[in-house]
PDB file of all heavy atoms in Angstrom:
ATOM      1  N   ALA A   1       0.142 -10.418   1.883  1.00  0.00           N
ATOM      2  CA  ALA A   1      -1.193  -9.973   1.476  1.00  0.00           C
ATOM      3  C   ALA A   1      -2.107 -11.190   1.544  1.00  0.00           C
ATOM      4  O   ALA A   1      -1.878 -12.184   0.846  1.00  0.00           O
ATOM      5  CB  ALA A   1      -1.162  -9.401   0.069  1.00  0.00           C
ATOM      6  N   TYR A   2      -3.110 -11.130   2.412  1.00  0.00           N
ATOM      7  CA  TYR A   2      -4.121 -12.181   2.509  1.00  0.00           C
ATOM      8  C   TYR A   2      -5.324 -11.707   1.695  1.00  0.00           C
ATOM      9  O   TYR A   2      -5.789 -10.583   1.890  1.00  0.00           O
ATOM     10  CB  TYR A   2      -4.532 -12.406   3.966  1.00  0.00           C
ATOM     11  CG  TYR A   2      -3.403 -12.919   4.813  1.00  0.00           C
ATOM     12  CD1 TYR A   2      -2.593 -12.042   5.528  1.00  0.00           C
ATOM     13  CD2 TYR A   2      -3.137 -14.285   4.900  1.00  0.00           C
ATOM     14  CE1 TYR A   2      -1.550 -12.511   6.308  1.00  0.00           C
ATOM     15  CE2 TYR A   2      -2.098 -14.762   5.672  1.00  0.00           C
ATOM     16  CZ  TYR A   2      -1.303 -13.867   6.376  1.00  0.00           C
ATOM     17  OH  TYR A   2      -0.262 -14.334   7.141  1.00  0.00           O
ATOM     18  N   TYR A   3      -5.815 -12.545   0.795  1.00  0.00           N
ATOM     19  CA  TYR A   3      -6.924 -12.128  -0.057  1.00  0.00           C
ATOM     20  C   TYR A   3      -8.017 -13.188  -0.059  1.00  0.00           C
ATOM     21  O   TYR A   3      -7.770 -14.369   0.157  1.00  0.00           O
ATOM     22  CB  TYR A   3      -6.444 -11.830  -1.482  1.00  0.00           C
ATOM     23  CG  TYR A   3      -5.759 -12.975  -2.175  1.00  0.00           C
ATOM     24  CD1 TYR A   3      -6.487 -13.861  -2.979  1.00  0.00           C
ATOM     25  CD2 TYR A   3      -4.391 -13.174  -2.043  1.00  0.00           C
ATOM     26  CE1 TYR A   3      -5.862 -14.905  -3.631  1.00  0.00           C
ATOM     27  CE2 TYR A   3      -3.763 -14.225  -2.691  1.00  0.00           C
ATOM     28  CZ  TYR A   3      -4.502 -15.090  -3.474  1.00  0.00           C
ATOM     29  OH  TYR A   3      -3.882 -16.132  -4.113  1.00  0.00           O
ATOM     30  N   LYS A   4      -9.235 -12.702  -0.292  1.00  0.00           N
ATOM     31  CA  LYS A   4     -10.382 -13.603  -0.457  1.00  0.00           C
ATOM     32  C   LYS A   4     -11.335 -12.952  -1.446  1.00  0.00           C
ATOM     33  O   LYS A   4     -11.323 -11.725  -1.623  1.00  0.00           O
ATOM     34  CB  LYS A   4     -11.052 -13.891   0.886  1.00  0.00           C
ATOM     35  CG  LYS A   4     -11.490 -12.679   1.672  1.00  0.00           C
ATOM     36  CD  LYS A   4     -11.980 -13.065   3.059  1.00  0.00           C
ATOM     37  CE  LYS A   4     -12.388 -11.837   3.856  1.00  0.00           C
ATOM     38  NZ  LYS A   4     -12.877 -12.196   5.193  1.00  0.00           N
ATOM     39  N   TRP A   5     -12.128 -13.773  -2.099  1.00  0.00           N
ATOM     40  CA  TRP A   5     -13.062 -13.250  -3.083  1.00  0.00           C
ATOM     41  C   TRP A   5     -14.342 -14.080  -3.088  1.00  0.00           C
ATOM     42  O   TRP A   5     -14.372 -15.197  -2.606  1.00  0.00           O
ATOM     43  CB  TRP A   5     -12.438 -13.242  -4.479  1.00  0.00           C
ATOM     44  CG  TRP A   5     -12.275 -14.600  -5.079  1.00  0.00           C
ATOM     45  CD1 TRP A   5     -13.182 -15.266  -5.853  1.00  0.00           C
ATOM     46  CD2 TRP A   5     -11.160 -15.480  -4.934  1.00  0.00           C
ATOM     47  NE1 TRP A   5     -12.698 -16.506  -6.212  1.00  0.00           N
ATOM     48  CE2 TRP A   5     -11.453 -16.657  -5.648  1.00  0.00           C
ATOM     49  CE3 TRP A   5      -9.937 -15.382  -4.276  1.00  0.00           C
ATOM     50  CZ2 TRP A   5     -10.569 -17.717  -5.717  1.00  0.00           C
ATOM     51  CZ3 TRP A   5      -9.064 -16.447  -4.346  1.00  0.00           C
ATOM     52  CH2 TRP A   5      -9.383 -17.593  -5.059  1.00  0.00           C
ATOM     53  N   SER A   6     -15.380 -13.477  -3.667  1.00  0.00           N
ATOM     54  CA  SER A   6     -16.648 -14.187  -3.855  1.00  0.00           C
ATOM     55  C   SER A   6     -17.343 -13.626  -5.088  1.00  0.00           C
ATOM     56  O   SER A   6     -17.086 -12.498  -5.506  1.00  0.00           O
ATOM     57  CB  SER A   6     -17.547 -14.047  -2.617  1.00  0.00           C
ATOM     58  OG  SER A   6     -17.897 -12.693  -2.426  1.00  0.00           O
ATOM     59  N   GLY A   7     -18.221 -14.449  -5.667  1.00  0.00           N
ATOM     60  CA  GLY A   7     -19.035 -14.014  -6.798  1.00  0.00           C
ATOM     61  C   GLY A   7     -18.381 -14.172  -8.141  1.00  0.00           C
ATOM     62  O   GLY A   7     -18.842 -13.589  -9.126  1.00  0.00           O
ATOM     63  N   SER A   8     -17.333 -14.947  -8.224  1.00  0.00           N
ATOM     64  CA  SER A   8     -16.647 -15.076  -9.497  1.00  0.00           C
ATOM     65  C   SER A   8     -17.220 -16.228 -10.321  1.00  0.00           C
ATOM     66  O   SER A   8     -18.162 -16.897  -9.902  1.00  0.00           O
ATOM     67  CB  SER A   8     -15.149 -15.280  -9.267  1.00  0.00           C
ATOM     68  OG  SER A   8     -14.466 -15.173 -10.504  1.00  0.00           O
ATOM     69  N   GLY A   9     -16.598 -16.453 -11.467  1.00  0.00           N
ATOM     70  CA  GLY A   9     -17.103 -17.454 -12.398  1.00  0.00           C
ATOM     71  C   GLY A   9     -16.452 -18.807 -12.232  1.00  0.00           C
ATOM     72  O   GLY A   9     -15.790 -19.079 -11.241  1.00  0.00           O
ATOM     73  N   GLY A  10     -16.599 -19.640 -13.228  1.00  0.00           N
ATOM     74  CA  GLY A  10     -16.058 -20.972 -13.190  1.00  0.00           C
ATOM     75  C   GLY A  10     -15.172 -21.281 -14.371  1.00  0.00           C
ATOM     76  O   GLY A  10     -14.926 -22.437 -14.681  1.00  0.00           O
ATOM     77  N   THR A  11     -14.677 -20.251 -15.067  1.00  0.00           N
ATOM     78  CA  THR A  11     -13.861 -20.492 -16.256  1.00  0.00           C
ATOM     79  C   THR A  11     -12.825 -19.389 -16.432  1.00  0.00           C
ATOM     80  O   THR A  11     -12.997 -18.271 -15.955  1.00  0.00           O
ATOM     81  CB  THR A  11     -14.730 -20.574 -17.532  1.00  0.00           C
ATOM     82  OG1 THR A  11     -13.871 -20.867 -18.649  1.00  0.00           O
ATOM     83  CG2 THR A  11     -15.467 -19.288 -17.797  1.00  0.00           C
ATOM     84  N   ASP A  12     -11.747 -19.733 -17.122  1.00  0.00           N
ATOM     85  CA  ASP A  12     -10.718 -18.757 -17.452  1.00  0.00           C
ATOM     86  C   ASP A  12     -10.645 -18.542 -18.964  1.00  0.00           C
ATOM     87  O   ASP A  12      -9.697 -17.972 -19.469  1.00  0.00           O
ATOM     88  CB  ASP A  12      -9.356 -19.211 -16.900  1.00  0.00           C
ATOM     89  CG  ASP A  12      -8.342 -18.079 -16.899  1.00  0.00           C
ATOM     90  OD1 ASP A  12      -8.703 -16.953 -16.516  1.00  0.00           O
ATOM     91  OD2 ASP A  12      -7.171 -18.317 -17.286  1.00  0.00           O
ATOM     92  N   LEU A  13     -11.662 -19.004 -19.679  1.00  0.00           N
ATOM     93  CA  LEU A  13     -11.692 -18.832 -21.129  1.00  0.00           C
ATOM     94  C   LEU A  13     -12.019 -17.388 -21.492  1.00  0.00           C
ATOM     95  O   LEU A  13     -12.891 -16.762 -20.892  1.00  0.00           O
ATOM     96  CB  LEU A  13     -12.728 -19.762 -21.752  1.00  0.00           C
ATOM     97  CG  LEU A  13     -12.470 -21.261 -21.583  1.00  0.00           C
ATOM     98  CD1 LEU A  13     -13.654 -22.053 -22.108  1.00  0.00           C
ATOM     99  CD2 LEU A  13     -11.176 -21.651 -22.290  1.00  0.00           C
ATOM    100  N   ASP A  14     -11.316 -16.879 -22.477  1.00  0.00           N
ATOM    101  CA  ASP A  14     -11.557 -15.503 -22.916  1.00  0.00           C
ATOM    102  C   ASP A  14     -13.017 -15.320 -23.306  1.00  0.00           C
ATOM    103  O   ASP A  14     -13.640 -16.219 -23.855  1.00  0.00           O
ATOM    104  CB  ASP A  14     -10.642 -15.180 -24.100  1.00  0.00           C
ATOM    105  CG  ASP A  14     -10.586 -13.681 -24.376  1.00  0.00           C
ATOM    106  OD1 ASP A  14     -10.889 -12.893 -23.458  1.00  0.00           O
ATOM    107  OD2 ASP A  14     -10.220 -13.306 -25.494  1.00  0.00           O
ATOM    108  N   ASP A  15     -13.558 -14.178 -22.995  1.00  0.00           N
ATOM    109  CA  ASP A  15     -14.955 -13.783 -23.214  1.00  0.00           C
ATOM    110  C   ASP A  15     -15.934 -14.469 -22.269  1.00  0.00           C
ATOM    111  O   ASP A  15     -17.133 -14.251 -22.372  1.00  0.00           O
ATOM    112  CB  ASP A  15     -15.396 -14.008 -24.671  1.00  0.00           C
ATOM    113  CG  ASP A  15     -14.741 -13.016 -25.627  1.00  0.00           C
ATOM    114  OD1 ASP A  15     -14.357 -11.918 -25.180  1.00  0.00           O
ATOM    115  OD2 ASP A  15     -14.610 -13.347 -26.808  1.00  0.00           O
ATOM    116  N   ASN A  16     -15.439 -15.303 -21.367  1.00  0.00           N
ATOM    117  CA  ASN A  16     -16.292 -15.932 -20.358  1.00  0.00           C
ATOM    118  C   ASN A  16     -15.748 -15.740 -18.943  1.00  0.00           C
ATOM    119  O   ASN A  16     -16.335 -16.212 -17.995  1.00  0.00           O
ATOM    120  CB  ASN A  16     -16.427 -17.438 -20.624  1.00  0.00           C
ATOM    121  CG  ASN A  16     -17.245 -17.697 -21.861  1.00  0.00           C
ATOM    122  OD1 ASN A  16     -18.285 -17.082 -22.066  1.00  0.00           O
ATOM    123  ND2 ASN A  16     -16.770 -18.592 -22.700  1.00  0.00           N
ATOM    124  N   ARG A  17     -14.629 -15.083 -18.816  1.00  0.00           N
ATOM    125  CA  ARG A  17     -14.005 -14.908 -17.510  1.00  0.00           C
ATOM    126  C   ARG A  17     -14.339 -13.534 -16.934  1.00  0.00           C
ATOM    127  O   ARG A  17     -14.948 -12.700 -17.602  1.00  0.00           O
ATOM    128  CB  ARG A  17     -12.500 -15.105 -17.609  1.00  0.00           C
ATOM    129  CG  ARG A  17     -11.812 -14.124 -18.537  1.00  0.00           C
ATOM    130  CD  ARG A  17     -10.336 -14.431 -18.642  1.00  0.00           C
ATOM    131  NE  ARG A  17      -9.709 -13.680 -19.706  1.00  0.00           N
ATOM    132  CZ  ARG A  17      -8.776 -14.161 -20.491  1.00  0.00           C
ATOM    133  NH1 ARG A  17      -8.357 -15.406 -20.360  1.00  0.00           N
ATOM    134  NH2 ARG A  17      -8.241 -13.416 -21.432  1.00  0.00           N
ATOM    135  N   LYS A  18     -13.918 -13.310 -15.708  1.00  0.00           N
ATOM    136  CA  LYS A  18     -14.155 -12.027 -15.040  1.00  0.00           C
ATOM    137  C   LYS A  18     -13.009 -11.040 -15.277  1.00  0.00           C
ATOM    138  O   LYS A  18     -13.248  -9.858 -15.479  1.00  0.00           O
ATOM    139  CB  LYS A  18     -14.325 -12.244 -13.530  1.00  0.00           C
ATOM    140  CG  LYS A  18     -15.506 -13.134 -13.174  1.00  0.00           C
ATOM    141  CD  LYS A  18     -16.808 -12.464 -13.512  1.00  0.00           C
ATOM    142  CE  LYS A  18     -17.984 -13.303 -13.045  1.00  0.00           C
ATOM    143  NZ  LYS A  18     -19.228 -12.576 -13.085  1.00  0.00           N
ATOM    144  N   PHE A  19     -11.776 -11.538 -15.225  1.00  0.00           N
ATOM    145  CA  PHE A  19     -10.613 -10.653 -15.351  1.00  0.00           C
ATOM    146  C   PHE A  19      -9.649 -11.151 -16.416  1.00  0.00           C
ATOM    147  O   PHE A  19      -9.396 -12.347 -16.532  1.00  0.00           O
ATOM    148  CB  PHE A  19      -9.842 -10.583 -14.016  1.00  0.00           C
ATOM    149  CG  PHE A  19     -10.617  -9.927 -12.909  1.00  0.00           C
ATOM    150  CD1 PHE A  19     -11.288 -10.701 -11.969  1.00  0.00           C
ATOM    151  CD2 PHE A  19     -10.675  -8.551 -12.794  1.00  0.00           C
ATOM    152  CE1 PHE A  19     -12.005 -10.113 -10.937  1.00  0.00           C
ATOM    153  CE2 PHE A  19     -11.386  -7.956 -11.770  1.00  0.00           C
ATOM    154  CZ  PHE A  19     -12.054  -8.736 -10.839  1.00  0.00           C
ATOM    155  N   ASP A  20      -9.097 -10.205 -17.183  1.00  0.00           N
ATOM    156  CA  ASP A  20      -7.986 -10.509 -18.078  1.00  0.00           C
ATOM    157  C   ASP A  20      -6.665 -10.439 -17.309  1.00  0.00           C
ATOM    158  O   ASP A  20      -5.675 -11.035 -17.715  1.00  0.00           O
ATOM    159  CB  ASP A  20      -7.924  -9.505 -19.234  1.00  0.00           C
ATOM    160  CG  ASP A  20      -9.083  -9.683 -20.198  1.00  0.00           C
ATOM    161  OD1 ASP A  20      -9.539 -10.825 -20.367  1.00  0.00           O
ATOM    162  OD2 ASP A  20      -9.532  -8.672 -20.768  1.00  0.00           O
ATOM    163  N   ARG A  21      -6.666  -9.697 -16.207  1.00  0.00           N
ATOM    164  CA  ARG A  21      -5.465  -9.530 -15.376  1.00  0.00           C
ATOM    165  C   ARG A  21      -5.894  -9.234 -13.950  1.00  0.00           C
ATOM    166  O   ARG A  21      -6.825  -8.460 -13.728  1.00  0.00           O
ATOM    167  CB  ARG A  21      -4.627  -8.376 -15.922  1.00  0.00           C
ATOM    168  CG  ARG A  21      -3.382  -8.071 -15.136  1.00  0.00           C
ATOM    169  CD  ARG A  21      -2.633  -6.919 -15.779  1.00  0.00           C
ATOM    170  NE  ARG A  21      -1.409  -6.651 -15.060  1.00  0.00           N
ATOM    171  CZ  ARG A  21      -0.620  -5.629 -15.319  1.00  0.00           C
ATOM    172  NH1 ARG A  21      -0.925  -4.792 -16.300  1.00  0.00           N
ATOM    173  NH2 ARG A  21       0.473  -5.446 -14.613  1.00  0.00           N
ATOM    174  N   PHE A  22      -5.211  -9.858 -12.992  1.00  0.00           N
ATOM    175  CA  PHE A  22      -5.415  -9.537 -11.578  1.00  0.00           C
ATOM    176  C   PHE A  22      -4.102  -9.849 -10.857  1.00  0.00           C
ATOM    177  O   PHE A  22      -3.860 -10.965 -10.417  1.00  0.00           O
ATOM    178  CB  PHE A  22      -6.571 -10.330 -10.955  1.00  0.00           C
ATOM    179  CG  PHE A  22      -7.145  -9.662  -9.734  1.00  0.00           C
ATOM    180  CD1 PHE A  22      -8.291  -8.885  -9.835  1.00  0.00           C
ATOM    181  CD2 PHE A  22      -6.537  -9.805  -8.491  1.00  0.00           C
ATOM    182  CE1 PHE A  22      -8.824  -8.259  -8.717  1.00  0.00           C
ATOM    183  CE2 PHE A  22      -7.062  -9.183  -7.366  1.00  0.00           C
ATOM    184  CZ  PHE A  22      -8.210  -8.413  -7.480  1.00  0.00           C
ATOM    185  N   ASP A  23      -3.222  -8.849 -10.798  1.00  0.00           N
ATOM    186  CA  ASP A  23      -1.899  -8.978 -10.189  1.00  0.00           C
ATOM    187  C   ASP A  23      -1.883  -8.271  -8.841  1.00  0.00           C
ATOM    188  O   ASP A  23      -2.160  -7.071  -8.761  1.00  0.00           O
ATOM    189  CB  ASP A  23      -0.821  -8.364 -11.079  1.00  0.00           C
ATOM    190  CG  ASP A  23      -0.612  -9.133 -12.375  1.00  0.00           C
ATOM    191  OD1 ASP A  23      -0.925 -10.334 -12.398  1.00  0.00           O
ATOM    192  OD2 ASP A  23      -0.147  -8.525 -13.353  1.00  0.00           O
ATOM    193  N   LEU A  24      -1.546  -9.007  -7.815  1.00  0.00           N
ATOM    194  CA  LEU A  24      -1.454  -8.480  -6.459  1.00  0.00           C
ATOM    195  C   LEU A  24       0.014  -8.301  -6.109  1.00  0.00           C
ATOM    196  O   LEU A  24       0.782  -9.263  -6.083  1.00  0.00           O
ATOM    197  CB  LEU A  24      -2.126  -9.441  -5.475  1.00  0.00           C
ATOM    198  CG  LEU A  24      -1.982  -9.171  -3.988  1.00  0.00           C
ATOM    199  CD1 LEU A  24      -2.497  -7.777  -3.627  1.00  0.00           C
ATOM    200  CD2 LEU A  24      -2.721 -10.233  -3.192  1.00  0.00           C
ATOM    201  N   GLN A  25       0.424  -7.052  -5.887  1.00  0.00           N
ATOM    202  CA  GLN A  25       1.800  -6.769  -5.489  1.00  0.00           C
ATOM    203  C   GLN A  25       1.840  -6.506  -3.991  1.00  0.00           C
ATOM    204  O   GLN A  25       1.038  -5.720  -3.469  1.00  0.00           O
ATOM    205  CB  GLN A  25       2.344  -5.543  -6.216  1.00  0.00           C
ATOM    206  CG  GLN A  25       3.788  -5.232  -5.819  1.00  0.00           C
ATOM    207  CD  GLN A  25       4.239  -3.856  -6.245  1.00  0.00           C
ATOM    208  OE1 GLN A  25       3.509  -2.890  -6.077  1.00  0.00           O
ATOM    209  NE2 GLN A  25       5.438  -3.769  -6.784  1.00  0.00           N
ATOM    210  N   VAL A  26       2.772  -7.163  -3.289  1.00  0.00           N
ATOM    211  CA  VAL A  26       2.995  -6.916  -1.863  1.00  0.00           C
ATOM    212  C   VAL A  26       4.431  -6.418  -1.709  1.00  0.00           C
ATOM    213  O   VAL A  26       5.342  -6.893  -2.399  1.00  0.00           O
ATOM    214  CB  VAL A  26       2.717  -8.180  -1.006  1.00  0.00           C
ATOM    215  CG1 VAL A  26       3.646  -9.309  -1.363  1.00  0.00           C
ATOM    216  CG2 VAL A  26       2.771  -7.864   0.473  1.00  0.00           C
ATOM    217  N   ARG A  27       4.619  -5.421  -0.825  1.00  0.00           N
ATOM    218  CA  ARG A  27       5.937  -4.815  -0.658  1.00  0.00           C
ATOM    219  C   ARG A  27       6.339  -4.782   0.818  1.00  0.00           C
ATOM    220  O   ARG A  27       5.502  -4.515   1.682  1.00  0.00           O
ATOM    221  CB  ARG A  27       5.937  -3.380  -1.194  1.00  0.00           C
ATOM    222  CG  ARG A  27       5.617  -3.268  -2.659  1.00  0.00           C
ATOM    223  CD  ARG A  27       5.759  -1.844  -3.171  1.00  0.00           C
ATOM    224  NE  ARG A  27       4.852  -0.900  -2.553  1.00  0.00           N
ATOM    225  CZ  ARG A  27       3.612  -0.648  -2.978  1.00  0.00           C
ATOM    226  NH1 ARG A  27       3.114  -1.312  -4.011  1.00  0.00           N
ATOM    227  NH2 ARG A  27       2.871   0.256  -2.375  1.00  0.00           N
ATOM    228  N   VAL A  28       7.619  -5.018   1.061  1.00  0.00           N
ATOM    229  CA  VAL A  28       8.215  -4.805   2.377  1.00  0.00           C
ATOM    230  C   VAL A  28       8.838  -3.420   2.317  1.00  0.00           C
ATOM    231  O   VAL A  28       9.714  -3.176   1.482  1.00  0.00           O
ATOM    232  CB  VAL A  28       9.302  -5.855   2.697  1.00  0.00           C
ATOM    233  CG1 VAL A  28       9.912  -5.586   4.067  1.00  0.00           C
ATOM    234  CG2 VAL A  28       8.748  -7.265   2.617  1.00  0.00           C
ATOM    235  N   GLU A  29       8.352  -2.514   3.174  1.00  0.00           N
ATOM    236  CA  GLU A  29       8.863  -1.138   3.154  1.00  0.00           C
ATOM    237  C   GLU A  29       9.478  -0.773   4.500  1.00  0.00           C
ATOM    238  O   GLU A  29       8.940  -1.099   5.550  1.00  0.00           O
ATOM    239  CB  GLU A  29       7.740  -0.159   2.823  1.00  0.00           C
ATOM    240  CG  GLU A  29       7.191  -0.354   1.423  1.00  0.00           C
ATOM    241  CD  GLU A  29       6.151   0.675   1.017  1.00  0.00           C
ATOM    242  OE1 GLU A  29       5.665   1.432   1.880  1.00  0.00           O
ATOM    243  OE2 GLU A  29       5.818   0.716  -0.175  1.00  0.00           O
ATOM    244  N   GLN A  30      10.625  -0.089   4.409  1.00  0.00           N
ATOM    245  CA  GLN A  30      11.298   0.429   5.597  1.00  0.00           C
ATOM    246  C   GLN A  30      11.061   1.931   5.636  1.00  0.00           C
ATOM    247  O   GLN A  30      11.158   2.606   4.606  1.00  0.00           O
ATOM    248  CB  GLN A  30      12.794   0.129   5.523  1.00  0.00           C
ATOM    249  CG  GLN A  30      13.564   0.554   6.757  1.00  0.00           C
ATOM    250  CD  GLN A  30      15.045   0.244   6.616  1.00  0.00           C
ATOM    251  OE1 GLN A  30      15.630   0.427   5.559  1.00  0.00           O
ATOM    252  NE2 GLN A  30      15.646  -0.240   7.699  1.00  0.00           N
ATOM    253  N   HIS A  31      10.724   2.443   6.826  1.00  0.00           N
ATOM    254  CA  HIS A  31      10.444   3.871   6.943  1.00  0.00           C
ATOM    255  C   HIS A  31      11.649   4.590   7.530  1.00  0.00           C
ATOM    256  O   HIS A  31      12.099   4.289   8.625  1.00  0.00           O
ATOM    257  CB  HIS A  31       9.223   4.128   7.826  1.00  0.00           C
ATOM    258  CG  HIS A  31       8.891   5.581   7.917  1.00  0.00           C
ATOM    259  ND1 HIS A  31       8.287   6.262   6.882  1.00  0.00           N
ATOM    260  CD2 HIS A  31       9.123   6.480   8.886  1.00  0.00           C
ATOM    261  CE1 HIS A  31       8.140   7.530   7.238  1.00  0.00           C
ATOM    262  NE2 HIS A  31       8.643   7.683   8.445  1.00  0.00           N
ATOM    263  N   ASP A  32      12.174   5.532   6.771  1.00  0.00           N
ATOM    264  CA  ASP A  32      13.258   6.400   7.223  1.00  0.00           C
ATOM    265  C   ASP A  32      12.654   7.762   7.481  1.00  0.00           C
ATOM    266  O   ASP A  32      12.036   8.340   6.585  1.00  0.00           O
ATOM    267  CB  ASP A  32      14.335   6.483   6.136  1.00  0.00           C
ATOM    268  CG  ASP A  32      15.538   7.291   6.576  1.00  0.00           C
ATOM    269  OD1 ASP A  32      15.356   8.430   7.067  1.00  0.00           O
ATOM    270  OD2 ASP A  32      16.665   6.786   6.423  1.00  0.00           O
ATOM    271  N   PRO A  33      12.798   8.309   8.697  1.00  0.00           N
ATOM    272  CA  PRO A  33      12.158   9.594   9.008  1.00  0.00           C
ATOM    273  C   PRO A  33      12.604  10.749   8.107  1.00  0.00           C
ATOM    274  O   PRO A  33      11.869  11.716   7.920  1.00  0.00           O
ATOM    275  CB  PRO A  33      12.543   9.860  10.465  1.00  0.00           C
ATOM    276  CG  PRO A  33      13.457   8.782  10.887  1.00  0.00           C
ATOM    277  CD  PRO A  33      13.536   7.756   9.815  1.00  0.00           C
TER     278      PRO A  33
END
């Protein structure tokens, strides 16, 4: 998963940040017909 972002803040302090959580899950999936 390639990600990019813009417009965010400059701190991770509570009540001053943008997100409390941002988890990116990537999966390898095999397709069986």
